[in-house]
Amino acid sequence: MLLEDWLNIERSSGQIGDVSLIENRLPKKLKRRREVITEEGTAGYEEYYDYVFPDETASLSLNILEAAYKWKKQKLCQSSIVADPISL
């Protein structure tokens, strides 16, 4: 709500700041479904909205890449030790 209000202020004034910077920070609205089982045992689906912020997705992907890099570096170190036992 805060970002939307900020965007409205920027659009109405027109000269204070850049609207595209705020639009890039707005969350994406995703409509999702999940299965719901009632006490009687009947199943159905419930629709809900999920909001994904661009800052969150960027940090998650960077964490995965960082972990993969560390794993690969560790594997290369282990393989070089096993491949050259004489140097130990």
PDB file of N, CA and C in Angstrom:
ATOM      1  N   MET A   1       0.832  -1.185   0.000  1.00  0.00           N
ATOM      2  CA  MET A   1       0.000   0.000   0.000  1.00  0.00           C
ATOM      3  C   MET A   1       0.880   1.253   0.000  1.00  0.00           C
ATOM      4  N   LEU A   2       1.986   1.179   0.720  1.00  0.00           N
ATOM      5  CA  LEU A   2       2.879   2.326   0.798  1.00  0.00           C
ATOM      6  C   LEU A   2       3.481   2.641  -0.575  1.00  0.00           C
ATOM      7  N   LEU A   3       3.902   1.594  -1.281  1.00  0.00           N
ATOM      8  CA  LEU A   3       4.462   1.812  -2.619  1.00  0.00           C
ATOM      9  C   LEU A   3       3.423   2.364  -3.589  1.00  0.00           C
ATOM     10  N   GLU A   4       2.197   1.887  -3.480  1.00  0.00           N
ATOM     11  CA  GLU A   4       1.134   2.393  -4.359  1.00  0.00           C
ATOM     12  C   GLU A   4       0.848   3.861  -4.096  1.00  0.00           C
ATOM     13  N   ASP A   5       0.813   4.258  -2.834  1.00  0.00           N
ATOM     14  CA  ASP A   5       0.598   5.675  -2.497  1.00  0.00           C
ATOM     15  C   ASP A   5       1.756   6.540  -2.988  1.00  0.00           C
ATOM     16  N   TRP A   6       2.961   6.042  -2.826  1.00  0.00           N
ATOM     17  CA  TRP A   6       4.140   6.763  -3.292  1.00  0.00           C
ATOM     18  C   TRP A   6       4.083   6.946  -4.811  1.00  0.00           C
ATOM     19  N   LEU A   7       3.661   5.893  -5.510  1.00  0.00           N
ATOM     20  CA  LEU A   7       3.530   5.954  -6.964  1.00  0.00           C
ATOM     21  C   LEU A   7       2.473   6.978  -7.370  1.00  0.00           C
ATOM     22  N   ASN A   8       1.352   7.015  -6.668  1.00  0.00           N
ATOM     23  CA  ASN A   8       0.297   7.987  -6.974  1.00  0.00           C
ATOM     24  C   ASN A   8       0.771   9.416  -6.757  1.00  0.00           C
ATOM     25  N   ILE A   9       1.547   9.644  -5.710  1.00  0.00           N
ATOM     26  CA  ILE A   9       2.080  10.981  -5.452  1.00  0.00           C
ATOM     27  C   ILE A   9       3.039  11.396  -6.563  1.00  0.00           C
ATOM     28  N   GLU A  10       3.902  10.475  -6.972  1.00  0.00           N
ATOM     29  CA  GLU A  10       4.857  10.784  -8.032  1.00  0.00           C
ATOM     30  C   GLU A  10       4.148  11.072  -9.361  1.00  0.00           C
ATOM     31  N   ARG A  11       3.101  10.296  -9.649  1.00  0.00           N
ATOM     32  CA  ARG A  11       2.359  10.522 -10.898  1.00  0.00           C
ATOM     33  C   ARG A  11       1.613  11.848 -10.877  1.00  0.00           C
ATOM     34  N   SER A  12       1.066  12.216  -9.732  1.00  0.00           N
ATOM     35  CA  SER A  12       0.288  13.452  -9.660  1.00  0.00           C
ATOM     36  C   SER A  12       1.186  14.687  -9.724  1.00  0.00           C
ATOM     37  N   SER A  13       2.354  14.620  -9.115  1.00  0.00           N
ATOM     38  CA  SER A  13       3.235  15.791  -9.137  1.00  0.00           C
ATOM     39  C   SER A  13       4.019  15.876 -10.436  1.00  0.00           C
ATOM     40  N   GLY A  14       4.534  14.753 -10.894  1.00  0.00           N
ATOM     41  CA  GLY A  14       5.209  14.722 -12.183  1.00  0.00           C
ATOM     42  C   GLY A  14       6.643  15.204 -12.185  1.00  0.00           C
ATOM     43  N   GLN A  15       7.096  15.979 -11.213  1.00  0.00           N
ATOM     44  CA  GLN A  15       8.438  16.520 -11.271  1.00  0.00           C
ATOM     45  C   GLN A  15       9.307  16.141 -10.085  1.00  0.00           C
ATOM     46  N   ILE A  16       8.775  15.468  -9.091  1.00  0.00           N
ATOM     47  CA  ILE A  16       9.554  15.168  -7.896  1.00  0.00           C
ATOM     48  C   ILE A  16      10.561  14.042  -8.158  1.00  0.00           C
ATOM     49  N   GLY A  17      10.127  12.968  -8.760  1.00  0.00           N
ATOM     50  CA  GLY A  17      11.018  11.830  -8.946  1.00  0.00           C
ATOM     51  C   GLY A  17      10.665  11.007 -10.167  1.00  0.00           C
ATOM     52  N   ASP A  18      11.356   9.906 -10.275  1.00  0.00           N
ATOM     53  CA  ASP A  18      11.183   9.024 -11.416  1.00  0.00           C
ATOM     54  C   ASP A  18      10.165   7.930 -11.083  1.00  0.00           C
ATOM     55  N   VAL A  19       9.108   7.834 -11.883  1.00  0.00           N
ATOM     56  CA  VAL A  19       8.032   6.866 -11.649  1.00  0.00           C
ATOM     57  C   VAL A  19       8.510   5.444 -11.923  1.00  0.00           C
ATOM     58  N   SER A  20       9.416   5.265 -12.875  1.00  0.00           N
ATOM     59  CA  SER A  20       9.861   3.916 -13.234  1.00  0.00           C
ATOM     60  C   SER A  20      10.616   3.240 -12.089  1.00  0.00           C
ATOM     61  N   LEU A  21      11.294   4.007 -11.255  1.00  0.00           N
ATOM     62  CA  LEU A  21      11.988   3.414 -10.111  1.00  0.00           C
ATOM     63  C   LEU A  21      11.007   2.790  -9.136  1.00  0.00           C
ATOM     64  N   ILE A  22       9.881   3.435  -8.938  1.00  0.00           N
ATOM     65  CA  ILE A  22       8.870   2.915  -8.014  1.00  0.00           C
ATOM     66  C   ILE A  22       8.141   1.730  -8.640  1.00  0.00           C
ATOM     67  N   GLU A  23       7.839   1.817  -9.933  1.00  0.00           N
ATOM     68  CA  GLU A  23       7.139   0.722 -10.608  1.00  0.00           C
ATOM     69  C   GLU A  23       7.966  -0.557 -10.586  1.00  0.00           C
ATOM     70  N   ASN A  24       9.286  -0.456 -10.643  1.00  0.00           N
ATOM     71  CA  ASN A  24      10.148  -1.638 -10.586  1.00  0.00           C
ATOM     72  C   ASN A  24      10.136  -2.302  -9.216  1.00  0.00           C
ATOM     73  N   ARG A  25       9.781  -1.576  -8.187  1.00  0.00           N
ATOM     74  CA  ARG A  25       9.760  -2.108  -6.827  1.00  0.00           C
ATOM     75  C   ARG A  25       8.402  -2.676  -6.428  1.00  0.00           C
ATOM     76  N   LEU A  26       7.365  -2.443  -7.239  1.00  0.00           N
ATOM     77  CA  LEU A  26       6.024  -2.941  -6.916  1.00  0.00           C
ATOM     78  C   LEU A  26       5.986  -4.466  -7.008  1.00  0.00           C
ATOM     79  N   PRO A  27       5.232  -5.123  -6.125  1.00  0.00           N
ATOM     80  CA  PRO A  27       5.145  -6.584  -6.165  1.00  0.00           C
ATOM     81  C   PRO A  27       4.273  -7.059  -7.327  1.00  0.00           C
ATOM     82  N   LYS A  28       4.566  -8.261  -7.777  1.00  0.00           N
ATOM     83  CA  LYS A  28       3.745  -8.907  -8.808  1.00  0.00           C
ATOM     84  C   LYS A  28       2.659  -9.710  -8.098  1.00  0.00           C
ATOM     85  N   LYS A  29       1.430  -9.587  -8.570  1.00  0.00           N
ATOM     86  CA  LYS A  29       0.291 -10.262  -7.967  1.00  0.00           C
ATOM     87  C   LYS A  29       0.052 -11.574  -8.715  1.00  0.00           C
ATOM     88  N   LEU A  30       0.184 -12.714  -8.013  1.00  0.00           N
ATOM     89  CA  LEU A  30      -0.013 -14.025  -8.614  1.00  0.00           C
ATOM     90  C   LEU A  30      -1.248 -14.684  -8.019  1.00  0.00           C
ATOM     91  N   LYS A  31      -2.087 -15.230  -8.871  1.00  0.00           N
ATOM     92  CA  LYS A  31      -3.271 -15.951  -8.417  1.00  0.00           C
ATOM     93  C   LYS A  31      -2.920 -17.435  -8.383  1.00  0.00           C
ATOM     94  N   ARG A  32      -3.041 -18.046  -7.203  1.00  0.00           N
ATOM     95  CA  ARG A  32      -2.666 -19.446  -7.028  1.00  0.00           C
ATOM     96  C   ARG A  32      -3.824 -20.234  -6.446  1.00  0.00           C
ATOM     97  N   ARG A  33      -3.717 -21.572  -6.559  1.00  0.00           N
ATOM     98  CA  ARG A  33      -4.729 -22.468  -6.002  1.00  0.00           C
ATOM     99  C   ARG A  33      -4.054 -23.486  -5.110  1.00  0.00           C
ATOM    100  N   ARG A  34      -4.723 -23.842  -4.042  1.00  0.00           N
ATOM    101  CA  ARG A  34      -4.236 -24.915  -3.178  1.00  0.00           C
ATOM    102  C   ARG A  34      -5.398 -25.833  -2.834  1.00  0.00           C
ATOM    103  N   GLU A  35      -5.063 -27.103  -2.617  1.00  0.00           N
ATOM    104  CA  GLU A  35      -6.084 -28.096  -2.315  1.00  0.00           C
ATOM    105  C   GLU A  35      -6.501 -27.980  -0.851  1.00  0.00           C
ATOM    106  N   VAL A  36      -7.805 -28.045  -0.629  1.00  0.00           N
ATOM    107  CA  VAL A  36      -8.361 -27.957   0.722  1.00  0.00           C
ATOM    108  C   VAL A  36      -9.220 -29.193   0.951  1.00  0.00           C
ATOM    109  N   ILE A  37      -8.955 -29.886   2.076  1.00  0.00           N
ATOM    110  CA  ILE A  37      -9.742 -31.071   2.441  1.00  0.00           C
ATOM    111  C   ILE A  37     -10.539 -30.728   3.690  1.00  0.00           C
ATOM    112  N   THR A  38     -11.837 -30.902   3.612  1.00  0.00           N
ATOM    113  CA  THR A  38     -12.710 -30.578   4.742  1.00  0.00           C
ATOM    114  C   THR A  38     -12.764 -31.744   5.726  1.00  0.00           C
ATOM    115  N   GLU A  39     -13.447 -31.534   6.837  1.00  0.00           N
ATOM    116  CA  GLU A  39     -13.582 -32.585   7.849  1.00  0.00           C
ATOM    117  C   GLU A  39     -14.365 -33.782   7.329  1.00  0.00           C
ATOM    118  N   GLU A  40     -15.276 -33.552   6.396  1.00  0.00           N
ATOM    119  CA  GLU A  40     -16.070 -34.646   5.823  1.00  0.00           C
ATOM    120  C   GLU A  40     -15.256 -35.461   4.831  1.00  0.00           C
ATOM    121  N   GLY A  41     -14.093 -34.992   4.440  1.00  0.00           N
ATOM    122  CA  GLY A  41     -13.254 -35.718   3.501  1.00  0.00           C
ATOM    123  C   GLY A  41     -13.379 -35.259   2.065  1.00  0.00           C
ATOM    124  N   THR A  42     -14.218 -34.294   1.803  1.00  0.00           N
ATOM    125  CA  THR A  42     -14.337 -33.797   0.437  1.00  0.00           C
ATOM    126  C   THR A  42     -13.185 -32.847   0.143  1.00  0.00           C
ATOM    127  N   ALA A  43     -12.744 -32.899  -1.085  1.00  0.00           N
ATOM    128  CA  ALA A  43     -11.614 -32.062  -1.489  1.00  0.00           C
ATOM    129  C   ALA A  43     -12.100 -30.967  -2.419  1.00  0.00           C
ATOM    130  N   GLY A  44     -11.448 -29.874  -2.336  1.00  0.00           N
ATOM    131  CA  GLY A  44     -11.750 -28.751  -3.209  1.00  0.00           C
ATOM    132  C   GLY A  44     -10.517 -27.877  -3.337  1.00  0.00           C
ATOM    133  N   TYR A  45     -10.654 -26.815  -4.061  1.00  0.00           N
ATOM    134  CA  TYR A  45      -9.536 -25.905  -4.245  1.00  0.00           C
ATOM    135  C   TYR A  45      -9.898 -24.517  -3.759  1.00  0.00           C
ATOM    136  N   GLU A  46      -8.925 -23.870  -3.172  1.00  0.00           N
ATOM    137  CA  GLU A  46      -9.089 -22.510  -2.698  1.00  0.00           C
ATOM    138  C   GLU A  46      -8.145 -21.628  -3.504  1.00  0.00           C
ATOM    139  N   GLU A  47      -8.675 -20.542  -4.017  1.00  0.00           N
ATOM    140  CA  GLU A  47      -7.846 -19.606  -4.760  1.00  0.00           C
ATOM    141  C   GLU A  47      -7.407 -18.478  -3.832  1.00  0.00           C
ATOM    142  N   TYR A  48      -6.140 -18.090  -3.970  1.00  0.00           N
ATOM    143  CA  TYR A  48      -5.607 -17.003  -3.152  1.00  0.00           C
ATOM    144  C   TYR A  48      -4.598 -16.215  -3.975  1.00  0.00           C
ATOM    145  N   TYR A  49      -4.276 -15.034  -3.507  1.00  0.00           N
ATOM    146  CA  TYR A  49      -3.319 -14.177  -4.187  1.00  0.00           C
ATOM    147  C   TYR A  49      -2.012 -14.161  -3.403  1.00  0.00           C
ATOM    148  N   ASP A  50      -0.936 -14.283  -4.133  1.00  0.00           N
ATOM    149  CA  ASP A  50       0.389 -14.238  -3.540  1.00  0.00           C
ATOM    150  C   ASP A  50       1.140 -13.072  -4.175  1.00  0.00           C
ATOM    151  N   TYR A  51       1.888 -12.339  -3.385  1.00  0.00           N
ATOM    152  CA  TYR A  51       2.631 -11.183  -3.869  1.00  0.00           C
ATOM    153  C   TYR A  51       4.122 -11.505  -3.840  1.00  0.00           C
ATOM    154  N   VAL A  52       4.789 -11.309  -4.972  1.00  0.00           N
ATOM    155  CA  VAL A  52       6.219 -11.573  -5.085  1.00  0.00           C
ATOM    156  C   VAL A  52       6.916 -10.246  -5.342  1.00  0.00           C
ATOM    157  N   PHE A  53       7.797  -9.882  -4.420  1.00  0.00           N
ATOM    158  CA  PHE A  53       8.547  -8.642  -4.555  1.00  0.00           C
ATOM    159  C   PHE A  53       9.822  -8.888  -5.339  1.00  0.00           C
ATOM    160  N   PRO A  54      10.198  -7.995  -6.236  1.00  0.00           N
ATOM    161  CA  PRO A  54      11.411  -8.192  -7.049  1.00  0.00           C
ATOM    162  C   PRO A  54      12.680  -8.296  -6.211  1.00  0.00           C
ATOM    163  N   ASP A  55      12.765  -7.590  -5.099  1.00  0.00           N
ATOM    164  CA  ASP A  55      13.953  -7.647  -4.249  1.00  0.00           C
ATOM    165  C   ASP A  55      14.133  -9.032  -3.636  1.00  0.00           C
ATOM    166  N   GLU A  56      13.049  -9.693  -3.280  1.00  0.00           N
ATOM    167  CA  GLU A  56      13.122 -11.021  -2.671  1.00  0.00           C
ATOM    168  C   GLU A  56      13.597 -12.063  -3.660  1.00  0.00           C
ATOM    169  N   THR A  57      13.093 -12.029  -4.868  1.00  0.00           N
ATOM    170  CA  THR A  57      13.474 -13.028  -5.859  1.00  0.00           C
ATOM    171  C   THR A  57      14.922 -12.885  -6.256  1.00  0.00           C
ATOM    172  N   ALA A  58      15.433 -11.668  -6.305  1.00  0.00           N
ATOM    173  CA  ALA A  58      16.834 -11.463  -6.667  1.00  0.00           C
ATOM    174  C   ALA A  58      17.754 -12.026  -5.595  1.00  0.00           C
ATOM    175  N   SER A  59      17.427 -11.814  -4.338  1.00  0.00           N
ATOM    176  CA  SER A  59      18.286 -12.306  -3.259  1.00  0.00           C
ATOM    177  C   SER A  59      18.244 -13.827  -3.172  1.00  0.00           C
ATOM    178  N   LEU A  60      17.094 -14.442  -3.437  1.00  0.00           N
ATOM    179  CA  LEU A  60      17.002 -15.894  -3.392  1.00  0.00           C
ATOM    180  C   LEU A  60      17.836 -16.526  -4.486  1.00  0.00           C
ATOM    181  N   SER A  61      17.790 -16.000  -5.685  1.00  0.00           N
ATOM    182  CA  SER A  61      18.559 -16.586  -6.776  1.00  0.00           C
ATOM    183  C   SER A  61      20.050 -16.402  -6.552  1.00  0.00           C
ATOM    184  N   LEU A  62      20.449 -15.287  -5.956  1.00  0.00           N
ATOM    185  CA  LEU A  62      21.860 -15.080  -5.657  1.00  0.00           C
ATOM    186  C   LEU A  62      22.350 -16.056  -4.605  1.00  0.00           C
ATOM    187  N   ASN A  63      21.525 -16.365  -3.619  1.00  0.00           N
ATOM    188  CA  ASN A  63      21.912 -17.336  -2.603  1.00  0.00           C
ATOM    189  C   ASN A  63      22.118 -18.715  -3.204  1.00  0.00           C
ATOM    190  N   ILE A  64      21.275 -19.092  -4.132  1.00  0.00           N
ATOM    191  CA  ILE A  64      21.407 -20.394  -4.777  1.00  0.00           C
ATOM    192  C   ILE A  64      22.685 -20.438  -5.604  1.00  0.00           C
ATOM    193  N   LEU A  65      22.969 -19.391  -6.347  1.00  0.00           N
ATOM    194  CA  LEU A  65      24.182 -19.352  -7.149  1.00  0.00           C
ATOM    195  C   LEU A  65      25.430 -19.363  -6.271  1.00  0.00           C
ATOM    196  N   GLU A  66      25.375 -18.665  -5.175  1.00  0.00           N
ATOM    197  CA  GLU A  66      26.515 -18.630  -4.257  1.00  0.00           C
ATOM    198  C   GLU A  66      26.767 -20.013  -3.657  1.00  0.00           C
ATOM    199  N   ALA A  67      25.707 -20.707  -3.267  1.00  0.00           N
ATOM    200  CA  ALA A  67      25.849 -22.051  -2.714  1.00  0.00           C
ATOM    201  C   ALA A  67      26.395 -23.021  -3.766  1.00  0.00           C
ATOM    202  N   ALA A  68      25.947 -22.894  -4.997  1.00  0.00           N
ATOM    203  CA  ALA A  68      26.440 -23.757  -6.074  1.00  0.00           C
ATOM    204  C   ALA A  68      27.922 -23.504  -6.330  1.00  0.00           C
ATOM    205  N   TYR A  69      28.341 -22.264  -6.283  1.00  0.00           N
ATOM    206  CA  TYR A  69      29.741 -21.936  -6.484  1.00  0.00           C
ATOM    207  C   TYR A  69      30.609 -22.541  -5.385  1.00  0.00           C
ATOM    208  N   LYS A  70      30.157 -22.443  -4.136  1.00  0.00           N
ATOM    209  CA  LYS A  70      30.911 -23.018  -3.018  1.00  0.00           C
ATOM    210  C   LYS A  70      30.994 -24.532  -3.146  1.00  0.00           C
ATOM    211  N   TRP A  71      29.887 -25.179  -3.552  1.00  0.00           N
ATOM    212  CA  TRP A  71      29.857 -26.622  -3.709  1.00  0.00           C
ATOM    213  C   TRP A  71      30.831 -27.058  -4.790  1.00  0.00           C
ATOM    214  N   LYS A  72      30.839 -26.356  -5.924  1.00  0.00           N
ATOM    215  CA  LYS A  72      31.738 -26.712  -7.025  1.00  0.00           C
ATOM    216  C   LYS A  72      33.195 -26.523  -6.613  1.00  0.00           C
ATOM    217  N   LYS A  73      33.481 -25.466  -5.890  1.00  0.00           N
ATOM    218  CA  LYS A  73      34.844 -25.204  -5.431  1.00  0.00           C
ATOM    219  C   LYS A  73      35.297 -26.297  -4.470  1.00  0.00           C
ATOM    220  N   GLN A  74      34.394 -26.736  -3.594  1.00  0.00           N
ATOM    221  CA  GLN A  74      34.709 -27.799  -2.646  1.00  0.00           C
ATOM    222  C   GLN A  74      34.978 -29.112  -3.386  1.00  0.00           C
ATOM    223  N   LYS A  75      34.172 -29.429  -4.386  1.00  0.00           N
ATOM    224  CA  LYS A  75      34.351 -30.662  -5.156  1.00  0.00           C
ATOM    225  C   LYS A  75      35.673 -30.641  -5.919  1.00  0.00           C
ATOM    226  N   LEU A  76      36.046 -29.482  -6.470  1.00  0.00           N
ATOM    227  CA  LEU A  76      37.307 -29.382  -7.190  1.00  0.00           C
ATOM    228  C   LEU A  76      38.493 -29.571  -6.243  1.00  0.00           C
ATOM    229  N   CYS A  77      38.404 -29.049  -5.048  1.00  0.00           N
ATOM    230  CA  CYS A  77      39.472 -29.220  -4.063  1.00  0.00           C
ATOM    231  C   CYS A  77      39.597 -30.683  -3.649  1.00  0.00           C
ATOM    232  N   GLN A  78      38.467 -31.357  -3.451  1.00  0.00           N
ATOM    233  CA  GLN A  78      38.483 -32.766  -3.062  1.00  0.00           C
ATOM    234  C   GLN A  78      39.037 -33.636  -4.184  1.00  0.00           C
ATOM    235  N   SER A  79      38.667 -33.346  -5.425  1.00  0.00           N
ATOM    236  CA  SER A  79      39.133 -34.154  -6.546  1.00  0.00           C
ATOM    237  C   SER A  79      40.621 -33.960  -6.795  1.00  0.00           C
ATOM    238  N   SER A  80      41.165 -32.775  -6.545  1.00  0.00           N
ATOM    239  CA  SER A  80      42.589 -32.552  -6.741  1.00  0.00           C
ATOM    240  C   SER A  80      43.406 -33.266  -5.663  1.00  0.00           C
ATOM    241  N   ILE A  81      42.862 -33.415  -4.461  1.00  0.00           N
ATOM    242  CA  ILE A  81      43.548 -34.140  -3.393  1.00  0.00           C
ATOM    243  C   ILE A  81      43.552 -35.627  -3.707  1.00  0.00           C
ATOM    244  N   VAL A  82      42.461 -36.171  -4.173  1.00  0.00           N
ATOM    245  CA  VAL A  82      42.363 -37.590  -4.501  1.00  0.00           C
ATOM    246  C   VAL A  82      43.192 -37.910  -5.726  1.00  0.00           C
ATOM    247  N   ALA A  83      43.243 -37.029  -6.709  1.00  0.00           N
ATOM    248  CA  ALA A  83      43.956 -37.302  -7.944  1.00  0.00           C
ATOM    249  C   ALA A  83      45.469 -37.259  -7.748  1.00  0.00           C
ATOM    250  N   ASP A  84      45.986 -36.552  -6.764  1.00  0.00           N
ATOM    251  CA  ASP A  84      47.425 -36.414  -6.566  1.00  0.00           C
ATOM    252  C   ASP A  84      47.805 -36.773  -5.129  1.00  0.00           C
ATOM    253  N   PRO A  85      47.752 -38.071  -4.746  1.00  0.00           N
ATOM    254  CA  PRO A  85      48.046 -38.458  -3.375  1.00  0.00           C
ATOM    255  C   PRO A  85      49.535 -38.346  -3.030  1.00  0.00           C
ATOM    256  N   ILE A  86      50.439 -38.272  -4.011  1.00  0.00           N
ATOM    257  CA  ILE A  86      51.872 -38.207  -3.768  1.00  0.00           C
ATOM    258  C   ILE A  86      52.261 -36.872  -3.125  1.00  0.00           C
ATOM    259  N   SER A  87      51.563 -35.799  -3.502  1.00  0.00           N
ATOM    260  CA  SER A  87      51.911 -34.483  -2.983  1.00  0.00           C
ATOM    261  C   SER A  87      51.585 -34.333  -1.510  1.00  0.00           C
ATOM    262  N   LEU A  88      50.791 -35.261  -0.952  1.00  0.00           N
ATOM    263  CA  LEU A  88      50.468 -35.181   0.468  1.00  0.00           C
ATOM    264  C   LEU A  88      51.656 -35.622   1.241  1.00  0.00           C
TER     265      LEU A  88
END
